[in-house]
C-alpha atoms as a PDB file:
ATOM      1  CA  MET A   1      -1.698 -26.066   5.459  1.00  0.00           C
ATOM      2  CA  SER A   2      -2.668 -24.496   8.784  1.00  0.00           C
ATOM      3  CA  ALA A   3      -5.563 -22.031   8.959  1.00  0.00           C
ATOM      4  CA  GLN A   4      -3.084 -19.214   9.666  1.00  0.00           C
ATOM      5  CA  ASP A   5      -0.919 -20.145   6.661  1.00  0.00           C
ATOM      6  CA  ARG A   6      -4.048 -20.366   4.505  1.00  0.00           C
ATOM      7  CA  ASP A   7      -5.221 -16.933   5.701  1.00  0.00           C
ATOM      8  CA  THR A   8      -1.825 -15.423   4.846  1.00  0.00           C
ATOM      9  CA  ALA A   9      -1.842 -17.037   1.405  1.00  0.00           C
ATOM     10  CA  VAL A  10      -5.420 -15.877   0.714  1.00  0.00           C
ATOM     11  CA  SER A  11      -4.589 -12.314   1.817  1.00  0.00           C
ATOM     12  CA  LYS A  12      -1.522 -12.225  -0.441  1.00  0.00           C
ATOM     13  CA  PHE A  13      -3.539 -13.624  -3.336  1.00  0.00           C
ATOM     14  CA  MET A  14      -6.256 -10.991  -2.862  1.00  0.00           C
ATOM     15  CA  SER A  15      -3.654  -8.210  -2.673  1.00  0.00           C
ATOM     16  CA  TYR A  16      -1.999  -9.473  -5.829  1.00  0.00           C
ATOM     17  CA  VAL A  17      -5.128  -9.795  -7.953  1.00  0.00           C
ATOM     18  CA  LEU A  18      -6.829  -6.633  -6.656  1.00  0.00           C
ATOM     19  CA  ARG A  19      -3.686  -4.494  -7.040  1.00  0.00           C
ATOM     20  CA  HIS A  20      -1.680  -5.938  -9.899  1.00  0.00           C
ATOM     21  CA  ALA A  21      -3.129  -8.811 -11.935  1.00  0.00           C
ATOM     22  CA  PRO A  22      -6.910  -9.258 -11.810  1.00  0.00           C
ATOM     23  CA  GLN A  23      -6.821 -11.098 -15.134  1.00  0.00           C
ATOM     24  CA  GLU A  24      -4.825 -13.938 -13.538  1.00  0.00           C
ATOM     25  CA  ALA A  25      -7.911 -14.733 -11.453  1.00  0.00           C
ATOM     26  CA  GLY A  26     -10.365 -14.121 -14.285  1.00  0.00           C
ATOM     27  CA  LEU A  27     -11.421 -10.797 -12.755  1.00  0.00           C
ATOM     28  CA  GLU A  28     -11.990  -7.387 -14.299  1.00  0.00           C
ATOM     29  CA  LEU A  29     -11.738  -4.317 -12.071  1.00  0.00           C
ATOM     30  CA  ASP A  30     -13.896  -1.307 -12.839  1.00  0.00           C
ATOM     31  CA  SER A  31     -12.315   2.133 -13.280  1.00  0.00           C
ATOM     32  CA  GLN A  32     -12.225   2.629  -9.496  1.00  0.00           C
ATOM     33  CA  GLY A  33     -10.703  -0.765  -8.721  1.00  0.00           C
ATOM     34  CA  TRP A  34     -13.913  -2.483  -7.601  1.00  0.00           C
ATOM     35  CA  VAL A  35     -14.923  -6.058  -8.416  1.00  0.00           C
ATOM     36  CA  ALA A  36     -17.983  -8.013  -7.299  1.00  0.00           C
ATOM     37  CA  PHE A  37     -17.222  -9.779  -4.019  1.00  0.00           C
ATOM     38  CA  SER A  38     -18.942 -12.915  -5.345  1.00  0.00           C
ATOM     39  CA  ASP A  39     -16.568 -12.961  -8.349  1.00  0.00           C
ATOM     40  CA  LEU A  40     -13.552 -12.673  -6.060  1.00  0.00           C
ATOM     41  CA  THR A  41     -14.799 -15.448  -3.762  1.00  0.00           C
ATOM     42  CA  THR A  42     -15.294 -17.720  -6.775  1.00  0.00           C
ATOM     43  CA  ALA A  43     -11.707 -17.033  -7.884  1.00  0.00           C
ATOM     44  CA  ILE A  44     -10.364 -17.610  -4.372  1.00  0.00           C
ATOM     45  CA  ARG A  45     -12.210 -20.904  -3.973  1.00  0.00           C
ATOM     46  CA  THR A  46     -10.574 -22.319  -7.108  1.00  0.00           C
ATOM     47  CA  ARG A  47      -7.273 -22.077  -5.196  1.00  0.00           C
ATOM     48  CA  PHE A  48      -8.118 -22.208  -1.482  1.00  0.00           C
ATOM     49  CA  ASP A  49     -10.523 -24.063   0.781  1.00  0.00           C
ATOM     50  CA  ILE A  50     -12.122 -21.157   2.633  1.00  0.00           C
ATOM     51  CA  GLY A  51     -15.720 -20.348   3.500  1.00  0.00           C
ATOM     52  CA  ASN A  52     -17.492 -16.988   3.326  1.00  0.00           C
ATOM     53  CA  GLU A  53     -17.359 -16.489   7.098  1.00  0.00           C
ATOM     54  CA  ASP A  54     -13.577 -16.988   7.242  1.00  0.00           C
ATOM     55  CA  LEU A  55     -13.065 -14.824   4.173  1.00  0.00           C
ATOM     56  CA  LEU A  56     -15.103 -11.949   5.623  1.00  0.00           C
ATOM     57  CA  ARG A  57     -13.225 -12.281   8.925  1.00  0.00           C
ATOM     58  CA  LEU A  58      -9.925 -12.159   7.051  1.00  0.00           C
ATOM     59  CA  ILE A  59     -10.946  -8.951   5.260  1.00  0.00           C
ATOM     60  CA  GLU A  60     -12.492  -7.204   8.263  1.00  0.00           C
ATOM     61  CA  GLN A  61      -9.708  -8.119  10.687  1.00  0.00           C
ATOM     62  CA  ASN A  62      -6.800  -7.398   8.348  1.00  0.00           C
ATOM     63  CA  PRO A  63      -4.488  -5.285  10.544  1.00  0.00           C
ATOM     64  CA  LYS A  64      -3.297  -3.261   7.547  1.00  0.00           C
ATOM     65  CA  LYS A  65      -6.853  -2.641   6.302  1.00  0.00           C
ATOM     66  CA  ARG A  66      -5.756  -3.527   2.783  1.00  0.00           C
ATOM     67  CA  PHE A  67      -9.265  -4.083   1.444  1.00  0.00           C
ATOM     68  CA  THR A  68     -12.478  -2.071   1.253  1.00  0.00           C
ATOM     69  CA  LEU A  69     -15.764  -3.945   1.131  1.00  0.00           C
ATOM     70  CA  ALA A  70     -18.927  -2.006   0.239  1.00  0.00           C
ATOM     71  CA  GLY A  71     -22.188  -2.705  -1.549  1.00  0.00           C
ATOM     72  CA  GLY A  72     -21.293  -6.262  -2.496  1.00  0.00           C
ATOM     73  CA  ARG A  73     -18.000  -5.128  -4.018  1.00  0.00           C
ATOM     74  CA  ILE A  74     -14.372  -5.206  -2.879  1.00  0.00           C
ATOM     75  CA  ARG A  75     -11.170  -3.387  -3.833  1.00  0.00           C
ATOM     76  CA  ALA A  76      -7.643  -2.863  -2.575  1.00  0.00           C
ATOM     77  CA  ALA A  77      -7.335   0.313  -0.488  1.00  0.00           C
ATOM     78  CA  GLN A  78      -4.161   1.391  -2.314  1.00  0.00           C
ATOM     79  CA  GLY A  79      -0.985   0.029  -3.884  1.00  0.00           C
ATOM     80  CA  HIS A  80      -2.291  -0.562  -7.401  1.00  0.00           C
ATOM     81  CA  SER A  81      -0.031  -1.017 -10.382  1.00  0.00           C
ATOM     82  CA  VAL A  82      -3.053  -1.373 -12.686  1.00  0.00           C
ATOM     83  CA  ALA A  83      -4.665   1.891 -13.742  1.00  0.00           C
ATOM     84  CA  VAL A  84      -7.521   2.705 -11.372  1.00  0.00           C
ATOM     85  CA  ASP A  85      -8.842   5.896  -9.827  1.00  0.00           C
ATOM     86  CA  ILE A  86      -9.829   5.150  -6.244  1.00  0.00           C
ATOM     87  CA  GLY A  87     -11.314   8.625  -5.915  1.00  0.00           C
ATOM     88  CA  LEU A  88      -8.966  10.140  -3.374  1.00  0.00           C
ATOM     89  CA  GLU A  89      -9.012  13.893  -2.869  1.00  0.00           C
ATOM     90  CA  ALA A  90      -5.878  15.950  -2.262  1.00  0.00           C
ATOM     91  CA  GLN A  91      -5.147  16.494   1.439  1.00  0.00           C
ATOM     92  CA  VAL A  92      -2.834  18.709   3.465  1.00  0.00           C
ATOM     93  CA  PRO A  93      -0.218  16.338   4.890  1.00  0.00           C
ATOM     94  CA  PRO A  94       1.331  16.441   8.351  1.00  0.00           C
ATOM     95  CA  LYS A  95       4.606  18.373   8.625  1.00  0.00           C
ATOM     96  CA  VAL A  96       6.689  15.216   8.396  1.00  0.00           C
ATOM     97  CA  LEU A  97       6.070  11.808   6.845  1.00  0.00           C
ATOM     98  CA  PHE A  98       8.287   8.723   6.717  1.00  0.00           C
ATOM     99  CA  HIS A  99       9.341   6.070   4.231  1.00  0.00           C
ATOM    100  CA  GLY A 100      10.864   2.709   5.095  1.00  0.00           C
ATOM    101  CA  THR A 101      13.372   1.194   2.692  1.00  0.00           C
ATOM    102  CA  GLN A 102      16.559  -0.863   2.527  1.00  0.00           C
ATOM    103  CA  ALA A 103      19.797   0.797   3.628  1.00  0.00           C
ATOM    104  CA  ASP A 104      21.526  -0.112   0.364  1.00  0.00           C
ATOM    105  CA  ARG A 105      18.983   1.993  -1.568  1.00  0.00           C
ATOM    106  CA  ILE A 106      19.676   5.265   0.278  1.00  0.00           C
ATOM    107  CA  ALA A 107      22.300   6.557  -2.187  1.00  0.00           C
ATOM    108  CA  ALA A 108      20.020   5.990  -5.196  1.00  0.00           C
ATOM    109  CA  ILE A 109      17.061   7.579  -3.398  1.00  0.00           C
ATOM    110  CA  MET A 110      19.100  10.612  -2.363  1.00  0.00           C
ATOM    111  CA  ASP A 111      20.142  10.964  -6.011  1.00  0.00           C
ATOM    112  CA  ALA A 112      16.794  10.400  -7.798  1.00  0.00           C
ATOM    113  CA  GLY A 113      14.210  10.775  -5.026  1.00  0.00           C
ATOM    114  CA  LEU A 114      11.400   8.386  -4.171  1.00  0.00           C
ATOM    115  CA  LEU A 115       9.758   7.117  -7.338  1.00  0.00           C
ATOM    116  CA  LYS A 116       6.470   5.270  -7.664  1.00  0.00           C
ATOM    117  CA  MET A 117       8.092   2.600  -9.846  1.00  0.00           C
ATOM    118  CA  GLU A 118       5.341   0.195 -11.060  1.00  0.00           C
ATOM    119  CA  ARG A 119       2.743   1.562  -8.640  1.00  0.00           C
ATOM    120  CA  GLN A 120       0.534   4.611  -9.015  1.00  0.00           C
ATOM    121  CA  HIS A 121       1.989   6.382  -5.968  1.00  0.00           C
ATOM    122  CA  VAL A 122       4.867   6.548  -3.518  1.00  0.00           C
ATOM    123  CA  HIS A 123       3.681   5.253  -0.135  1.00  0.00           C
ATOM    124  CA  LEU A 124       4.495   7.223   3.019  1.00  0.00           C
ATOM    125  CA  SER A 125       3.832   6.518   6.698  1.00  0.00           C
ATOM    126  CA  MET A 126       2.728   8.841   9.481  1.00  0.00           C
ATOM    127  CA  ASP A 127       5.328   7.573  11.947  1.00  0.00           C
ATOM    128  CA  PRO A 128       8.787   5.965  11.938  1.00  0.00           C
ATOM    129  CA  ALA A 129       7.536   2.733  13.540  1.00  0.00           C
ATOM    130  CA  THR A 130       5.108   2.058  10.696  1.00  0.00           C
ATOM    131  CA  ALA A 131       7.777   2.928   8.120  1.00  0.00           C
ATOM    132  CA  LYS A 132      10.151   0.477   9.808  1.00  0.00           C
ATOM    133  CA  THR A 133       7.513  -2.266   9.677  1.00  0.00           C
ATOM    134  CA  VAL A 134       7.099  -1.615   5.948  1.00  0.00           C
ATOM    135  CA  ALA A 135      10.871  -1.714   5.391  1.00  0.00           C
ATOM    136  CA  LYS A 136      11.174  -5.047   7.206  1.00  0.00           C
ATOM    137  CA  ARG A 137       9.036  -6.725   4.537  1.00  0.00           C
ATOM    138  CA  ARG A 138      12.163  -6.857   2.407  1.00  0.00           C
ATOM    139  CA  ARG A 139      15.492  -8.486   3.171  1.00  0.00           C
ATOM    140  CA  GLY A 140      18.529  -6.570   4.317  1.00  0.00           C
ATOM    141  CA  GLN A 141      19.263  -3.727   6.682  1.00  0.00           C
ATOM    142  CA  THR A 142      16.428  -1.234   6.969  1.00  0.00           C
ATOM    143  CA  ALA A 143      16.549   2.541   6.877  1.00  0.00           C
ATOM    144  CA  ILE A 144      13.903   5.160   7.583  1.00  0.00           C
ATOM    145  CA  LEU A 145      13.659   8.361   5.570  1.00  0.00           C
ATOM    146  CA  LYS A 146      12.094  11.556   6.848  1.00  0.00           C
ATOM    147  CA  ILE A 147      10.056  13.527   4.314  1.00  0.00           C
ATOM    148  CA  ASP A 148       9.577  17.274   4.737  1.00  0.00           C
ATOM    149  CA  ALA A 149       5.946  17.012   3.641  1.00  0.00           C
ATOM    150  CA  GLU A 150       5.069  20.516   4.801  1.00  0.00           C
ATOM    151  CA  ARG A 151       7.698  22.126   2.560  1.00  0.00           C
ATOM    152  CA  MET A 152       6.957  19.766  -0.323  1.00  0.00           C
ATOM    153  CA  HIS A 153       3.246  20.606  -0.082  1.00  0.00           C
ATOM    154  CA  SER A 154       3.936  24.352   0.054  1.00  0.00           C
ATOM    155  CA  ASP A 155       6.094  23.910  -3.066  1.00  0.00           C
ATOM    156  CA  GLY A 156       3.148  22.336  -4.903  1.00  0.00           C
ATOM    157  CA  GLY A 157       3.438  18.657  -3.973  1.00  0.00           C
ATOM    158  CA  VAL A 158       0.093  16.874  -3.922  1.00  0.00           C
ATOM    159  CA  PHE A 159      -0.738  14.321  -1.231  1.00  0.00           C
ATOM    160  CA  PHE A 160      -3.594  11.869  -0.781  1.00  0.00           C
ATOM    161  CA  LEU A 161      -4.592   9.872   2.285  1.00  0.00           C
ATOM    162  CA  SER A 162      -5.781   6.343   1.512  1.00  0.00           C
ATOM    163  CA  GLU A 163      -8.643   4.620   3.304  1.00  0.00           C
ATOM    164  CA  ASN A 164      -6.110   2.701   5.409  1.00  0.00           C
ATOM    165  CA  ASP A 165      -4.097   5.774   6.467  1.00  0.00           C
ATOM    166  CA  VAL A 166      -1.221   5.476   4.007  1.00  0.00           C
ATOM    167  CA  TRP A 167      -0.104   8.825   2.565  1.00  0.00           C
ATOM    168  CA  LEU A 168       0.347   8.781  -1.205  1.00  0.00           C
ATOM    169  CA  THR A 169       2.115  11.105  -3.632  1.00  0.00           C
ATOM    170  CA  GLU A 170       3.468  10.905  -7.194  1.00  0.00           C
ATOM    171  CA  THR A 171       7.147  11.306  -6.330  1.00  0.00           C
ATOM    172  CA  VAL A 172       9.366  12.812  -3.639  1.00  0.00           C
ATOM    173  CA  LYS A 173      12.346  14.841  -4.851  1.00  0.00           C
ATOM    174  CA  PRO A 174      15.656  14.416  -3.003  1.00  0.00           C
ATOM    175  CA  GLU A 175      15.534  17.923  -1.490  1.00  0.00           C
ATOM    176  CA  TYR A 176      12.600  16.843   0.709  1.00  0.00           C
ATOM    177  CA  ILE A 177      14.281  13.659   1.975  1.00  0.00           C
ATOM    178  CA  SER A 178      16.677  13.102   4.848  1.00  0.00           C
ATOM    179  CA  PRO A 179      17.744   9.849   6.502  1.00  0.00           C
ATOM    180  CA  LEU A 180      16.380   9.451  10.011  1.00  0.00           C
ATOM    181  CA  THR A 181      19.081   9.120  12.645  1.00  0.00           C
ATOM    182  CA  GLU A 182      19.006   6.553  15.456  1.00  0.00           C
ATOM    183  CA  THR A 183      18.286   9.304  17.994  1.00  0.00           C
ATOM    184  CA  GLU A 184      15.191  10.332  16.009  1.00  0.00           C
ATOM    185  CA  LEU A 185      13.773   6.802  16.142  1.00  0.00           C
END
């Protein structure tokens, strides 16, 4: 396995255990999603050959800033399906936010809205380019949705901004969603 492939696999493993299944690595997150960095490194080293220096580089240089490291502890910045309170405070969102998805899901979204599914929040992006990058993680034709965050907020919608600049909310009702046209991209 190349160093780059190993780094990708380690990053995915960390995301998985810190967001969804800490028990699969013998870890226990506290109520705010933190775990001792030394415990995580022990779990990682049972699966991957990686030293502390490379692991710290991987965390610090992660382009998506998925992890927060502080005081000898680490947690995922957002995206949890396990119950944690990462201590975010409600924020006033920008006028418009964006959500990347698959084109074949548009009809269902326009009917039911954006739902958090297994996660704690719906994830929204500040710009169409980021939303498109998110949508491309899945197979199929992508689509970008525009969210009228200003109107949703004035109607009582609550928004949070994660440590890695992802906007979070409980759900987005269909009346705040419109597909982005090619000219708007």
